[in-house]
């Protein structure tokens, strides 16, 4: 398992569009992905769970990836989050 901390940068947080970008990117991987936020463990391949997490701009999250392609998955997660999901 690999994990990494991030701060959400895009102004609207993980609203519908970035949540969709995130889930679409992650579903191509075999590994499981979870987002730790606000005492919750959120399934990173479920758009509804991500939306329900209410992750706003400035929120600190921890992303955990576990499985055969976890390193590649985490690399793409890092790129997506650090780029602000292309919204900036």
PDB file of N, CA and C in Angstrom:
ATOM      1  N   UNK A   1       0.845  -1.189   0.000  1.00  0.00           N
ATOM      2  CA  UNK A   1       0.000   0.000   0.000  1.00  0.00           C
ATOM      3  C   UNK A   1       0.884   1.244   0.000  1.00  0.00           C
ATOM      4  N   UNK A   2       0.471   2.229  -0.766  1.00  0.00           N
ATOM      5  CA  UNK A   2       1.147   3.529  -0.771  1.00  0.00           C
ATOM      6  C   UNK A   2       0.121   4.577  -0.359  1.00  0.00           C
ATOM      7  N   UNK A   3       0.590   5.591   0.348  1.00  0.00           N
ATOM      8  CA  UNK A   3      -0.314   6.684   0.736  1.00  0.00           C
ATOM      9  C   UNK A   3       0.439   8.003   0.653  1.00  0.00           C
ATOM     10  N   UNK A   4      -0.324   9.049   0.449  1.00  0.00           N
ATOM     11  CA  UNK A   4       0.275  10.378   0.320  1.00  0.00           C
ATOM     12  C   UNK A   4      -0.745  11.419   0.755  1.00  0.00           C
ATOM     13  N   UNK A   5      -0.260  12.479   1.391  1.00  0.00           N
ATOM     14  CA  UNK A   5      -1.115  13.590   1.826  1.00  0.00           C
ATOM     15  C   UNK A   5      -1.155  14.662   0.745  1.00  0.00           C
ATOM     16  N   UNK A   6      -2.318  15.272   0.602  1.00  0.00           N
ATOM     17  CA  UNK A   6      -2.522  16.346  -0.369  1.00  0.00           C
ATOM     18  C   UNK A   6      -3.392  17.427   0.246  1.00  0.00           C
ATOM     19  N   UNK A   7      -3.287  18.625  -0.308  1.00  0.00           N
ATOM     20  CA  UNK A   7      -4.222  19.713   0.005  1.00  0.00           C
ATOM     21  C   UNK A   7      -4.949  20.033  -1.291  1.00  0.00           C
ATOM     22  N   UNK A   8      -6.268  20.044  -1.244  1.00  0.00           N
ATOM     23  CA  UNK A   8      -7.080  20.327  -2.429  1.00  0.00           C
ATOM     24  C   UNK A   8      -6.930  21.801  -2.776  1.00  0.00           C
ATOM     25  N   UNK A   9      -6.510  22.081  -4.022  1.00  0.00           N
ATOM     26  CA  UNK A   9      -6.197  23.439  -4.458  1.00  0.00           C
ATOM     27  C   UNK A   9      -7.303  24.115  -5.268  1.00  0.00           C
ATOM     28  N   UNK A  10      -8.064  23.338  -6.046  1.00  0.00           N
ATOM     29  CA  UNK A  10      -9.036  23.993  -6.927  1.00  0.00           C
ATOM     30  C   UNK A  10     -10.134  24.669  -6.111  1.00  0.00           C
ATOM     31  N   UNK A  11     -10.556  25.834  -6.567  1.00  0.00           N
ATOM     32  CA  UNK A  11     -11.425  26.723  -5.795  1.00  0.00           C
ATOM     33  C   UNK A  11     -12.741  26.106  -5.342  1.00  0.00           C
ATOM     34  N   UNK A  12     -13.304  25.220  -6.146  1.00  0.00           N
ATOM     35  CA  UNK A  12     -14.602  24.636  -5.816  1.00  0.00           C
ATOM     36  C   UNK A  12     -14.480  23.285  -5.102  1.00  0.00           C
ATOM     37  N   UNK A  13     -13.259  22.843  -4.828  1.00  0.00           N
ATOM     38  CA  UNK A  13     -13.081  21.554  -4.163  1.00  0.00           C
ATOM     39  C   UNK A  13     -13.434  20.407  -5.096  1.00  0.00           C
ATOM     40  N   UNK A  14     -13.774  19.266  -4.515  1.00  0.00           N
ATOM     41  CA  UNK A  14     -14.123  18.097  -5.326  1.00  0.00           C
ATOM     42  C   UNK A  14     -15.616  18.094  -5.630  1.00  0.00           C
ATOM     43  N   UNK A  15     -16.035  19.043  -6.457  1.00  0.00           N
ATOM     44  CA  UNK A  15     -17.429  19.083  -6.906  1.00  0.00           C
ATOM     45  C   UNK A  15     -17.580  18.097  -8.069  1.00  0.00           C
ATOM     46  N   UNK A  16     -18.689  18.133  -8.757  1.00  0.00           N
ATOM     47  CA  UNK A  16     -19.025  17.109  -9.753  1.00  0.00           C
ATOM     48  C   UNK A  16     -17.958  16.901 -10.835  1.00  0.00           C
ATOM     49  N   UNK A  17     -17.485  17.970 -11.465  1.00  0.00           N
ATOM     50  CA  UNK A  17     -16.548  17.796 -12.574  1.00  0.00           C
ATOM     51  C   UNK A  17     -15.233  17.168 -12.140  1.00  0.00           C
ATOM     52  N   UNK A  18     -14.523  17.719 -11.126  1.00  0.00           N
ATOM     53  CA  UNK A  18     -13.262  17.078 -10.742  1.00  0.00           C
ATOM     54  C   UNK A  18     -13.466  15.685 -10.143  1.00  0.00           C
ATOM     55  N   UNK A  19     -14.582  15.474  -9.466  1.00  0.00           N
ATOM     56  CA  UNK A  19     -14.862  14.135  -8.930  1.00  0.00           C
ATOM     57  C   UNK A  19     -15.015  13.149 -10.080  1.00  0.00           C
ATOM     58  N   UNK A  20     -15.682  13.567 -11.154  1.00  0.00           N
ATOM     59  CA  UNK A  20     -15.842  12.715 -12.324  1.00  0.00           C
ATOM     60  C   UNK A  20     -14.501  12.448 -13.001  1.00  0.00           C
ATOM     61  N   UNK A  21     -13.668  13.468 -13.130  1.00  0.00           N
ATOM     62  CA  UNK A  21     -12.331  13.301 -13.711  1.00  0.00           C
ATOM     63  C   UNK A  21     -11.535  12.297 -12.877  1.00  0.00           C
ATOM     64  N   UNK A  22     -11.604  12.440 -11.561  1.00  0.00           N
ATOM     65  CA  UNK A  22     -10.884  11.568 -10.645  1.00  0.00           C
ATOM     66  C   UNK A  22     -11.336  10.113 -10.796  1.00  0.00           C
ATOM     67  N   UNK A  23     -12.640   9.883 -10.706  1.00  0.00           N
ATOM     68  CA  UNK A  23     -13.186   8.523 -10.778  1.00  0.00           C
ATOM     69  C   UNK A  23     -12.904   7.891 -12.137  1.00  0.00           C
ATOM     70  N   UNK A  24     -13.079   8.649 -13.204  1.00  0.00           N
ATOM     71  CA  UNK A  24     -12.815   8.128 -14.545  1.00  0.00           C
ATOM     72  C   UNK A  24     -11.354   7.691 -14.673  1.00  0.00           C
ATOM     73  N   UNK A  25     -10.451   8.488 -14.146  1.00  0.00           N
ATOM     74  CA  UNK A  25      -9.026   8.145 -14.210  1.00  0.00           C
ATOM     75  C   UNK A  25      -8.692   6.924 -13.354  1.00  0.00           C
ATOM     76  N   UNK A  26      -9.322   6.797 -12.206  1.00  0.00           N
ATOM     77  CA  UNK A  26      -8.973   5.722 -11.273  1.00  0.00           C
ATOM     78  C   UNK A  26      -9.578   4.366 -11.639  1.00  0.00           C
ATOM     79  N   UNK A  27     -10.706   4.369 -12.338  1.00  0.00           N
ATOM     80  CA  UNK A  27     -11.355   3.091 -12.648  1.00  0.00           C
ATOM     81  C   UNK A  27     -10.572   2.250 -13.646  1.00  0.00           C
ATOM     82  N   UNK A  28      -9.605   2.828 -14.331  1.00  0.00           N
ATOM     83  CA  UNK A  28      -8.806   2.031 -15.267  1.00  0.00           C
ATOM     84  C   UNK A  28      -7.733   1.201 -14.555  1.00  0.00           C
ATOM     85  N   UNK A  29      -7.560   1.443 -13.260  1.00  0.00           N
ATOM     86  CA  UNK A  29      -6.572   0.695 -12.479  1.00  0.00           C
ATOM     87  C   UNK A  29      -7.225  -0.462 -11.731  1.00  0.00           C
ATOM     88  N   UNK A  30      -6.437  -1.514 -11.533  1.00  0.00           N
ATOM     89  CA  UNK A  30      -6.901  -2.669 -10.765  1.00  0.00           C
ATOM     90  C   UNK A  30      -6.915  -2.390  -9.264  1.00  0.00           C
ATOM     91  N   UNK A  31      -5.978  -1.579  -8.820  1.00  0.00           N
ATOM     92  CA  UNK A  31      -5.819  -1.306  -7.387  1.00  0.00           C
ATOM     93  C   UNK A  31      -7.045  -0.622  -6.798  1.00  0.00           C
ATOM     94  N   UNK A  32      -7.167  -0.757  -5.485  1.00  0.00           N
ATOM     95  CA  UNK A  32      -8.210  -0.039  -4.757  1.00  0.00           C
ATOM     96  C   UNK A  32      -7.657   1.326  -4.356  1.00  0.00           C
ATOM     97  N   UNK A  33      -8.553   2.295  -4.214  1.00  0.00           N
ATOM     98  CA  UNK A  33      -8.143   3.638  -3.797  1.00  0.00           C
ATOM     99  C   UNK A  33      -9.148   4.180  -2.791  1.00  0.00           C
ATOM    100  N   UNK A  34      -8.612   4.779  -1.741  1.00  0.00           N
ATOM    101  CA  UNK A  34      -9.444   5.384  -0.712  1.00  0.00           C
ATOM    102  C   UNK A  34      -8.922   6.766  -0.386  1.00  0.00           C
ATOM    103  N   UNK A  35      -9.845   7.663  -0.052  1.00  0.00           N
ATOM    104  CA  UNK A  35      -9.508   9.021   0.374  1.00  0.00           C
ATOM    105  C   UNK A  35      -9.899   9.134   1.838  1.00  0.00           C
ATOM    106  N   UNK A  36      -8.938   9.477   2.688  1.00  0.00           N
ATOM    107  CA  UNK A  36      -9.206   9.702   4.105  1.00  0.00           C
ATOM    108  C   UNK A  36      -9.476  11.197   4.281  1.00  0.00           C
ATOM    109  N   UNK A  37     -10.663  11.513   4.796  1.00  0.00           N
ATOM    110  CA  UNK A  37     -11.015  12.918   5.018  1.00  0.00           C
ATOM    111  C   UNK A  37     -12.095  13.007   6.077  1.00  0.00           C
ATOM    112  N   UNK A  38     -11.892  13.884   7.025  1.00  0.00           N
ATOM    113  CA  UNK A  38     -12.899  14.133   8.056  1.00  0.00           C
ATOM    114  C   UNK A  38     -13.289  12.897   8.844  1.00  0.00           C
ATOM    115  N   UNK A  39     -12.321  12.028   9.083  1.00  0.00           N
ATOM    116  CA  UNK A  39     -12.597  10.816   9.836  1.00  0.00           C
ATOM    117  C   UNK A  39     -13.302   9.734   9.029  1.00  0.00           C
ATOM    118  N   UNK A  40     -13.436   9.949   7.724  1.00  0.00           N
ATOM    119  CA  UNK A  40     -14.104   8.987   6.854  1.00  0.00           C
ATOM    120  C   UNK A  40     -13.103   8.368   5.894  1.00  0.00           C
ATOM    121  N   UNK A  41     -13.389   7.153   5.458  1.00  0.00           N
ATOM    122  CA  UNK A  41     -12.611   6.479   4.429  1.00  0.00           C
ATOM    123  C   UNK A  41     -13.524   6.366   3.213  1.00  0.00           C
ATOM    124  N   UNK A  42     -13.219   7.140   2.175  1.00  0.00           N
ATOM    125  CA  UNK A  42     -14.086   7.293   1.011  1.00  0.00           C
ATOM    126  C   UNK A  42     -13.542   6.466  -0.150  1.00  0.00           C
ATOM    127  N   UNK A  43     -14.414   5.688  -0.780  1.00  0.00           N
ATOM    128  CA  UNK A  43     -14.035   4.902  -1.948  1.00  0.00           C
ATOM    129  C   UNK A  43     -13.731   5.856  -3.108  1.00  0.00           C
ATOM    130  N   UNK A  44     -12.493   5.852  -3.578  1.00  0.00           N
ATOM    131  CA  UNK A  44     -12.059   6.763  -4.630  1.00  0.00           C
ATOM    132  C   UNK A  44     -12.527   6.390  -6.020  1.00  0.00           C
ATOM    133  N   UNK A  45     -13.268   5.285  -6.148  1.00  0.00           N
ATOM    134  CA  UNK A  45     -13.820   4.899  -7.441  1.00  0.00           C
ATOM    135  C   UNK A  45     -15.339   5.103  -7.474  1.00  0.00           C
ATOM    136  N   UNK A  46     -15.872   5.804  -6.470  1.00  0.00           N
ATOM    137  CA  UNK A  46     -17.313   6.070  -6.398  1.00  0.00           C
ATOM    138  C   UNK A  46     -17.564   7.576  -6.404  1.00  0.00           C
ATOM    139  N   UNK A  47     -18.132   8.065  -7.501  1.00  0.00           N
ATOM    140  CA  UNK A  47     -18.393   9.499  -7.601  1.00  0.00           C
ATOM    141  C   UNK A  47     -19.365   9.953  -6.513  1.00  0.00           C
ATOM    142  N   UNK A  48     -20.343   9.125  -6.186  1.00  0.00           N
ATOM    143  CA  UNK A  48     -21.315   9.500  -5.150  1.00  0.00           C
ATOM    144  C   UNK A  48     -20.647   9.617  -3.779  1.00  0.00           C
ATOM    145  N   UNK A  49     -19.741   8.688  -3.470  1.00  0.00           N
ATOM    146  CA  UNK A  49     -19.046   8.750  -2.182  1.00  0.00           C
ATOM    147  C   UNK A  49     -18.140   9.972  -2.104  1.00  0.00           C
ATOM    148  N   UNK A  50     -17.473  10.293  -3.199  1.00  0.00           N
ATOM    149  CA  UNK A  50     -16.597  11.477  -3.208  1.00  0.00           C
ATOM    150  C   UNK A  50     -17.424  12.739  -3.031  1.00  0.00           C
ATOM    151  N   UNK A  51     -18.534  12.847  -3.759  1.00  0.00           N
ATOM    152  CA  UNK A  51     -19.403  14.019  -3.638  1.00  0.00           C
ATOM    153  C   UNK A  51     -19.943  14.146  -2.212  1.00  0.00           C
ATOM    154  N   UNK A  52     -20.317  13.026  -1.613  1.00  0.00           N
ATOM    155  CA  UNK A  52     -20.862  13.034  -0.248  1.00  0.00           C
ATOM    156  C   UNK A  52     -19.808  13.420   0.779  1.00  0.00           C
ATOM    157  N   UNK A  53     -18.525  13.303   0.418  1.00  0.00           N
ATOM    158  CA  UNK A  53     -17.440  13.645   1.339  1.00  0.00           C
ATOM    159  C   UNK A  53     -17.305  15.139   1.582  1.00  0.00           C
ATOM    160  N   UNK A  54     -17.900  15.968   0.719  1.00  0.00           N
ATOM    161  CA  UNK A  54     -17.847  17.439   0.855  1.00  0.00           C
ATOM    162  C   UNK A  54     -16.422  17.950   1.035  1.00  0.00           C
ATOM    163  N   UNK A  55     -15.541  17.548   0.143  1.00  0.00           N
ATOM    164  CA  UNK A  55     -14.129  17.943   0.211  1.00  0.00           C
ATOM    165  C   UNK A  55     -13.978  19.286  -0.491  1.00  0.00           C
ATOM    166  N   UNK A  56     -13.680  20.310   0.282  1.00  0.00           N
ATOM    167  CA  UNK A  56     -13.622  21.681  -0.217  1.00  0.00           C
ATOM    168  C   UNK A  56     -12.186  22.141  -0.455  1.00  0.00           C
ATOM    169  N   UNK A  57     -12.037  23.284  -1.095  1.00  0.00           N
ATOM    170  CA  UNK A  57     -10.729  23.890  -1.312  1.00  0.00           C
ATOM    171  C   UNK A  57     -10.020  24.085   0.027  1.00  0.00           C
ATOM    172  N   UNK A  58      -8.753  23.727   0.077  1.00  0.00           N
ATOM    173  CA  UNK A  58      -7.976  23.863   1.305  1.00  0.00           C
ATOM    174  C   UNK A  58      -8.043  22.644   2.201  1.00  0.00           C
ATOM    175  N   UNK A  59      -8.885  21.668   1.865  1.00  0.00           N
ATOM    176  CA  UNK A  59      -9.003  20.455   2.677  1.00  0.00           C
ATOM    177  C   UNK A  59      -7.739  19.609   2.556  1.00  0.00           C
ATOM    178  N   UNK A  60      -7.296  19.078   3.685  1.00  0.00           N
ATOM    179  CA  UNK A  60      -6.174  18.145   3.700  1.00  0.00           C
ATOM    180  C   UNK A  60      -6.728  16.733   3.669  1.00  0.00           C
ATOM    181  N   UNK A  61      -6.254  15.943   2.695  1.00  0.00           N
ATOM    182  CA  UNK A  61      -6.711  14.570   2.546  1.00  0.00           C
ATOM    183  C   UNK A  61      -5.502  13.639   2.497  1.00  0.00           C
ATOM    184  N   UNK A  62      -5.744  12.360   2.724  1.00  0.00           N
ATOM    185  CA  UNK A  62      -4.732  11.329   2.530  1.00  0.00           C
ATOM    186  C   UNK A  62      -5.317  10.338   1.541  1.00  0.00           C
ATOM    187  N   UNK A  63      -4.566  10.057   0.479  1.00  0.00           N
ATOM    188  CA  UNK A  63      -4.998   9.085  -0.521  1.00  0.00           C
ATOM    189  C   UNK A  63      -4.190   7.809  -0.320  1.00  0.00           C
ATOM    190  N   UNK A  64      -4.902   6.677  -0.293  1.00  0.00           N
ATOM    191  CA  UNK A  64      -4.269   5.363  -0.140  1.00  0.00           C
ATOM    192  C   UNK A  64      -4.588   4.524  -1.362  1.00  0.00           C
ATOM    193  N   UNK A  65      -3.566   3.918  -1.946  1.00  0.00           N
ATOM    194  CA  UNK A  65      -3.743   3.014  -3.084  1.00  0.00           C
ATOM    195  C   UNK A  65      -3.159   1.665  -2.691  1.00  0.00           C
ATOM    196  N   UNK A  66      -3.873   0.596  -3.023  1.00  0.00           N
ATOM    197  CA  UNK A  66      -3.384  -0.735  -2.699  1.00  0.00           C
ATOM    198  C   UNK A  66      -3.746  -1.702  -3.811  1.00  0.00           C
ATOM    199  N   UNK A  67      -2.716  -2.365  -4.347  1.00  0.00           N
ATOM    200  CA  UNK A  67      -2.941  -3.349  -5.390  1.00  0.00           C
ATOM    201  C   UNK A  67      -1.758  -3.442  -6.327  1.00  0.00           C
ATOM    202  N   UNK A  68      -1.917  -4.195  -7.404  1.00  0.00           N
ATOM    203  CA  UNK A  68      -0.795  -4.481  -8.297  1.00  0.00           C
ATOM    204  C   UNK A  68      -0.258  -3.275  -9.064  1.00  0.00           C
ATOM    205  N   UNK A  69      -1.078  -2.265  -9.293  1.00  0.00           N
ATOM    206  CA  UNK A  69      -0.622  -1.075 -10.032  1.00  0.00           C
ATOM    207  C   UNK A  69      -0.727   0.190  -9.174  1.00  0.00           C
ATOM    208  N   UNK A  70      -0.519   0.019  -7.868  1.00  0.00           N
ATOM    209  CA  UNK A  70      -0.686   1.131  -6.924  1.00  0.00           C
ATOM    210  C   UNK A  70       0.255   2.300  -7.192  1.00  0.00           C
ATOM    211  N   UNK A  71       1.492   2.018  -7.619  1.00  0.00           N
ATOM    212  CA  UNK A  71       2.458   3.103  -7.865  1.00  0.00           C
ATOM    213  C   UNK A  71       2.010   3.982  -9.033  1.00  0.00           C
ATOM    214  N   UNK A  72       1.572   3.350 -10.117  1.00  0.00           N
ATOM    215  CA  UNK A  72       1.095   4.108 -11.282  1.00  0.00           C
ATOM    216  C   UNK A  72      -0.163   4.894 -10.926  1.00  0.00           C
ATOM    217  N   UNK A  73      -1.032   4.274 -10.142  1.00  0.00           N
ATOM    218  CA  UNK A  73      -2.262   4.933  -9.712  1.00  0.00           C
ATOM    219  C   UNK A  73      -1.937   6.172  -8.883  1.00  0.00           C
ATOM    220  N   UNK A  74      -1.031   6.041  -7.935  1.00  0.00           N
ATOM    221  CA  UNK A  74      -0.659   7.176  -7.081  1.00  0.00           C
ATOM    222  C   UNK A  74      -0.004   8.285  -7.901  1.00  0.00           C
ATOM    223  N   UNK A  75       0.780   7.916  -8.901  1.00  0.00           N
ATOM    224  CA  UNK A  75       1.415   8.928  -9.757  1.00  0.00           C
ATOM    225  C   UNK A  75       0.349   9.759 -10.471  1.00  0.00           C
ATOM    226  N   UNK A  76      -0.700   9.088 -10.965  1.00  0.00           N
ATOM    227  CA  UNK A  76      -1.764   9.828 -11.652  1.00  0.00           C
ATOM    228  C   UNK A  76      -2.589  10.656 -10.675  1.00  0.00           C
ATOM    229  N   UNK A  77      -2.835  10.124  -9.471  1.00  0.00           N
ATOM    230  CA  UNK A  77      -3.544  10.875  -8.430  1.00  0.00           C
ATOM    231  C   UNK A  77      -2.787  12.168  -8.135  1.00  0.00           C
ATOM    232  N   UNK A  78      -1.482  12.053  -7.943  1.00  0.00           N
ATOM    233  CA  UNK A  78      -0.653  13.224  -7.638  1.00  0.00           C
ATOM    234  C   UNK A  78      -0.761  14.271  -8.730  1.00  0.00           C
ATOM    235  N   UNK A  79      -0.670  13.819  -9.968  1.00  0.00           N
ATOM    236  CA  UNK A  79      -0.750  14.742 -11.100  1.00  0.00           C
ATOM    237  C   UNK A  79      -2.110  15.448 -11.147  1.00  0.00           C
ATOM    238  N   UNK A  80      -3.183  14.690 -10.953  1.00  0.00           N
ATOM    239  CA  UNK A  80      -4.528  15.281 -10.986  1.00  0.00           C
ATOM    240  C   UNK A  80      -4.732  16.316  -9.883  1.00  0.00           C
ATOM    241  N   UNK A  81      -4.415  15.938  -8.653  1.00  0.00           N
ATOM    242  CA  UNK A  81      -4.661  16.831  -7.523  1.00  0.00           C
ATOM    243  C   UNK A  81      -3.758  18.059  -7.588  1.00  0.00           C
ATOM    244  N   UNK A  82      -2.481  17.857  -7.884  1.00  0.00           N
ATOM    245  CA  UNK A  82      -1.550  18.992  -7.908  1.00  0.00           C
ATOM    246  C   UNK A  82      -1.832  19.958  -9.055  1.00  0.00           C
ATOM    247  N   UNK A  83      -2.486  19.477 -10.111  1.00  0.00           N
ATOM    248  CA  UNK A  83      -2.845  20.355 -11.229  1.00  0.00           C
ATOM    249  C   UNK A  83      -4.179  21.059 -11.008  1.00  0.00           C
ATOM    250  N   UNK A  84      -4.833  20.767  -9.861  1.00  0.00           N
ATOM    251  CA  UNK A  84      -6.144  21.350  -9.588  1.00  0.00           C
ATOM    252  C   UNK A  84      -7.208  20.806 -10.523  1.00  0.00           C
ATOM    253  N   UNK A  85      -6.995  19.567 -10.999  1.00  0.00           N
ATOM    254  CA  UNK A  85      -7.925  18.900 -11.910  1.00  0.00           C
ATOM    255  C   UNK A  85      -8.137  19.708 -13.186  1.00  0.00           C
ATOM    256  N   UNK A  86      -7.121  20.487 -13.573  1.00  0.00           N
ATOM    257  CA  UNK A  86      -7.212  21.275 -14.805  1.00  0.00           C
ATOM    258  C   UNK A  86      -8.129  22.473 -14.713  1.00  0.00           C
ATOM    259  N   UNK A  87      -8.533  22.846 -13.512  1.00  0.00           N
ATOM    260  CA  UNK A  87      -9.467  23.978 -13.365  1.00  0.00           C
ATOM    261  C   UNK A  87      -8.769  25.314 -13.143  1.00  0.00           C
ATOM    262  N   UNK A  88      -7.510  25.284 -12.824  1.00  0.00           N
ATOM    263  CA  UNK A  88      -6.823  26.537 -12.483  1.00  0.00           C
ATOM    264  C   UNK A  88      -6.245  27.194 -13.725  1.00  0.00           C
TER     265      UNK A  88
END
